[in-house]
Protein backbone atom coordinates (compact mmCIF):
# COMPACT_ATOMS: atom_id res chain seq x y z
CA MET A 1 0.75 -9.49 -18.05
CA MET A 2 2.83 -11.47 -16.21
CA VAL A 3 4.32 -9.57 -13.31
CA ARG A 4 8.38 -10.01 -13.24
CA VAL A 5 9.41 -10.37 -9.53
CA THR A 6 13.72 -10.23 -9.93
CA GLY A 7 16.32 -10.49 -7.19
CA MET A 8 14.54 -11.04 -4.31
CA ASN A 9 15.89 -12.92 -1.58
CA VAL A 10 14.10 -16.44 -2.05
CA HIS A 11 14.79 -17.14 1.67
CA SER A 12 11.98 -14.22 2.22
CA LYS A 13 8.46 -15.07 3.46
CA PRO A 14 5.93 -14.90 0.29
CA PRO A 15 4.04 -11.82 0.20
CA THR A 16 0.19 -11.81 2.52
CA ARG A 17 -2.20 -13.59 0.22
CA PRO A 18 -4.54 -11.65 -1.77
CA ILE A 19 -7.95 -10.05 -0.86
CA GLU A 20 -9.11 -11.99 -4.10
CA ASP A 21 -8.05 -15.55 -2.51
CA THR A 22 -9.93 -15.08 0.84
CA GLN A 23 -12.21 -17.89 1.16
CA GLY A 24 -15.76 -18.12 1.19
CA LYS A 25 -19.09 -15.63 -0.35
CA ARG A 26 -17.52 -12.70 1.43
CA GLY A 27 -14.20 -13.10 0.22
CA ASP A 28 -15.92 -13.44 -3.62
CA ILE A 29 -17.49 -10.41 -3.29
CA LEU A 30 -14.38 -8.49 -1.80
CA GLY A 31 -11.95 -9.70 -4.51
CA ALA A 32 -14.69 -9.23 -7.35
CA GLY A 33 -15.06 -5.50 -5.55
CA LEU A 34 -11.05 -5.41 -5.65
CA ARG A 35 -10.88 -6.17 -9.33
CA LEU A 36 -13.76 -3.73 -10.69
CA PHE A 37 -12.75 -1.08 -8.92
CA ASP A 38 -9.25 -1.14 -10.08
CA GLU A 39 -11.14 -1.17 -13.70
CA GLN A 40 -14.10 0.65 -13.92
CA GLY A 41 -13.16 3.01 -10.55
CA PHE A 42 -15.92 3.28 -7.52
CA HIS A 43 -18.09 5.55 -9.02
CA GLY A 44 -18.28 3.60 -12.32
CA THR A 45 -18.95 -0.02 -10.36
CA SER A 46 -22.32 -0.90 -9.18
CA MET A 47 -23.45 -3.20 -6.30
CA SER A 48 -25.07 -5.40 -9.16
CA GLU A 49 -22.08 -5.79 -11.19
CA ILE A 50 -19.66 -6.72 -8.13
CA ALA A 51 -22.56 -9.32 -7.51
CA GLU A 52 -22.60 -10.59 -10.56
CA ALA A 53 -18.44 -10.97 -11.27
CA ALA A 54 -18.84 -12.40 -7.61
CA GLY A 55 -20.97 -15.05 -8.78
CA VAL A 56 -23.69 -14.09 -5.81
CA GLY A 57 -27.23 -13.37 -6.11
CA ALA A 58 -28.11 -9.37 -6.12
CA GLY A 59 -29.66 -9.50 -2.49
CA THR A 60 -26.65 -11.98 -1.38
CA ILE A 61 -24.22 -9.08 -1.34
CA TYR A 62 -26.26 -6.77 1.26
CA ARG A 63 -25.66 -9.61 3.85
CA TYR A 64 -22.47 -9.13 3.85
CA PHE A 65 -22.09 -5.18 3.28
CA ASP A 66 -24.98 -2.38 3.71
CA GLY A 67 -23.85 -0.63 0.32
CA LYS A 68 -21.02 0.13 -1.92
CA GLU A 69 -19.39 2.41 0.58
CA ASP A 70 -19.59 0.39 3.20
CA LEU A 71 -18.00 -2.50 1.04
CA VAL A 72 -15.03 0.15 0.29
CA ASP A 73 -14.80 0.79 3.38
CA GLN A 74 -14.21 -2.91 4.92
CA LEU A 75 -12.16 -3.47 1.48
CA TYR A 76 -9.39 -0.81 2.36
CA ALA A 77 -9.17 -1.47 5.91
CA GLU A 78 -8.66 -5.48 4.52
CA ALA A 79 -6.36 -4.05 2.25
CA ARG A 80 -4.21 -1.78 4.63
CA ALA A 81 -4.17 -4.92 7.10
CA ALA A 82 -2.94 -6.72 4.27
CA ALA A 83 -0.33 -4.40 3.73
CA HIS A 84 0.57 -3.79 7.35
CA GLU A 85 1.12 -7.67 7.67
CA SER A 86 3.31 -7.90 4.87
CA ILE A 87 5.63 -5.38 6.31
CA MET A 88 5.58 -7.67 9.74
CA GLU A 89 6.39 -10.87 7.47
CA MET A 90 9.44 -9.26 6.22
CA GLY A 91 11.35 -9.26 9.53
CA PHE A 92 10.42 -6.01 10.73
CA ASP A 93 12.07 -5.02 13.76
CA GLU A 94 10.32 -2.63 15.98
CA ASP A 95 13.47 -2.20 18.34
CA ALA A 96 15.92 -1.11 15.00
CA SER A 97 17.45 1.83 14.06
CA VAL A 98 15.20 4.23 11.84
CA ARG A 99 16.99 3.97 9.07
CA ASP A 100 16.55 0.00 8.99
CA ARG A 101 13.13 0.00 10.05
CA LEU A 102 12.34 2.61 6.82
CA ARG A 103 14.68 0.02 4.79
CA THR A 104 12.74 -2.81 5.34
CA THR A 105 9.68 -1.22 4.91
CA TRP A 106 10.90 0.51 1.76
CA ARG A 107 11.67 -3.48 0.58
CA ALA A 108 8.17 -5.04 1.71
CA VAL A 109 6.30 -2.51 0.03
CA ILE A 110 8.03 -2.54 -3.26
CA ARG A 111 7.62 -6.29 -3.15
CA ASN A 112 4.38 -6.74 -2.67
CA TYR A 113 3.09 -3.86 -4.85
CA MET A 114 4.95 -5.60 -7.37
CA GLU A 115 3.40 -9.26 -6.36
CA CYS A 116 -0.06 -7.35 -5.69
CA PRO A 117 -0.19 -4.40 -8.19
CA ARG A 118 -4.03 -4.28 -8.04
CA LEU A 119 -4.21 -4.33 -3.72
CA TYR A 120 -1.97 -1.18 -3.75
CA ARG A 121 -3.78 0.65 -6.54
CA PHE A 122 -6.71 0.54 -4.47
CA ILE A 123 -4.88 1.83 -1.71
CA LEU A 124 -4.01 4.89 -3.71
CA GLN A 125 -7.44 5.26 -4.93
CA TYR A 126 -9.25 5.20 -1.93
CA GLU A 127 -6.81 7.56 -0.05
CA SER A 128 -6.94 9.96 -3.22
CA SER A 129 -10.75 9.76 -3.06
CA ALA A 130 -13.78 11.36 -0.90
CA TYR A 131 -14.07 8.01 0.79
CA LEU A 132 -11.19 8.47 3.12
CA ARG A 133 -12.15 12.68 3.38
CA ARG A 134 -15.44 11.81 4.05
CA ALA A 135 -14.81 9.75 7.17
CA GLN A 136 -11.18 7.97 8.46
CA ARG A 137 -13.36 5.12 9.78
CA ALA A 138 -11.47 2.68 7.70
CA GLN A 139 -7.97 3.72 9.14
CA PRO A 140 -7.57 2.70 12.43
CA GLU A 141 -4.64 4.15 13.81
CA ASP A 142 -2.61 0.80 14.03
CA LEU A 143 -2.94 0.49 10.16
CA ARG A 144 -0.69 3.54 10.15
CA SER A 145 2.21 1.93 11.68
CA PRO A 146 5.06 1.24 11.30
CA PHE A 147 5.51 4.44 8.97
CA GLN A 148 4.08 6.70 11.46
CA GLU A 149 6.44 5.34 14.05
CA ILE A 150 9.35 5.77 11.55
CA TYR A 151 8.26 9.10 11.15
CA ARG A 152 7.95 10.16 14.47
CA ASP A 153 11.28 8.43 15.77
CA GLY A 154 13.24 10.24 13.08
CA VAL A 155 12.03 13.84 13.75
CA GLU A 156 12.75 13.08 17.48
CA GLN A 157 16.13 11.70 16.64
CA GLY A 158 17.15 14.91 14.27
CA LEU A 159 17.78 12.53 11.52
CA PHE A 160 14.18 14.45 9.63
CA PRO A 161 13.65 17.93 9.46
CA ALA A 162 10.48 18.83 11.34
CA LEU A 163 8.20 18.50 8.24
CA PRO A 164 4.56 17.17 7.80
CA GLN A 165 4.32 13.39 7.91
CA SER A 166 2.40 13.78 5.02
CA VAL A 167 5.48 15.65 2.64
CA TYR A 168 7.73 11.99 4.09
CA GLY A 169 4.76 9.71 2.77
CA SER A 170 4.61 11.91 -0.53
CA PHE A 171 8.01 10.95 -1.55
CA PHE A 172 7.77 7.55 0.03
CA ILE A 173 4.79 6.36 -2.08
CA GLY A 174 4.70 8.54 -4.98
CA THR A 175 8.24 7.02 -5.53
CA VAL A 176 7.60 3.31 -4.97
CA THR A 177 4.43 4.00 -7.26
CA HIS A 178 6.71 5.23 -10.42
CA LEU A 179 8.86 2.59 -9.77
CA VAL A 180 6.95 -0.19 -10.26
CA GLN A 181 4.49 1.07 -12.85
CA GLU A 182 7.75 1.49 -14.65
CA HIS A 183 8.79 -2.22 -13.89
CA LEU A 184 5.71 -3.81 -14.55
CA ASN A 185 5.11 -1.20 -17.76
CA ASP A 186 8.45 -3.17 -18.71
CA GLY A 187 10.59 -0.21 -17.91
CA PRO A 188 13.58 -0.76 -15.58
CA GLU A 189 13.89 -3.77 -14.41
CA LEU A 190 13.77 -3.49 -10.03
CA ASP A 191 16.32 -6.15 -9.18
CA GLU A 192 17.94 -6.00 -5.57
CA GLU A 193 20.73 -3.54 -6.95
CA LEU A 194 17.90 -0.64 -8.13
CA ILE A 195 15.60 -1.10 -4.84
CA ASP A 196 18.64 -0.39 -2.32
CA GLN A 197 20.06 2.50 -4.69
CA SER A 198 16.50 3.92 -4.76
CA PHE A 199 16.04 3.51 -0.74
CA GLU A 200 19.47 5.37 -0.36
CA MET A 201 17.87 8.03 -2.24
CA LEU A 202 14.95 8.47 -0.51
CA TRP A 203 17.34 8.60 2.78
CA ALA A 204 19.08 11.01 1.47
CA ALA A 205 16.50 13.05 1.06
CA TYR A 206 14.59 12.47 4.64
CA THR A 207 17.63 13.16 5.94
CA LYS A 208 18.83 16.67 4.67
CA ALA A 209 20.06 18.32 7.42
CA SER A 210 18.07 22.03 6.85
CA VAL A 211 15.31 22.91 4.70
CA ASP A 212 16.09 26.37 3.35
CA PRO A 213 13.75 27.74 0.46
CA GLY A 214 16.03 30.88 0.24
CA THR A 215 18.96 28.87 -0.41
CA GLY A 216 19.93 27.37 -4.12
């Protein structure tokens, strides 16, 4: 199915090149792994299947990766780096207001999710799996930015209630995932207007002045 990307600013830079387009045998292996993990899951995919899909010998894959766990971790690190770079390419300004930085991040993630859904599904799959819980080694601190800094500044400035960062992250990525998957499955079209309206809803949820479970 062709991905519909409508209403985007034609002057924006294109999203970061997908991992499938990385050159060389290592890139072929990463691209094959990304495709198979998306289609079959981590546990349902063997190294021999990845090697065959990449068009390399079964022994060749071990020249680049110690095993499947190492391949998955390296793929995740590159996927997060690509996602981070895409946000920077959308004109992210570290000196902008919390609202403007969050809006840029929101638009960049939605745009790149629509362009590279397999990449983002892999990131979500990894972060909800035992791979991340086993060891945080593939998630260096810089790849958590800029969302981490937005959260920190929002709390420090009194814009966001002091809830755990994971709560804000869940609101963000859960909404993005639902909107984009609906879009890709011929649901509501994610045009400029809907992207902006959905951001306003996110901002309103983030900036609620107080959280009192005893009210309502």
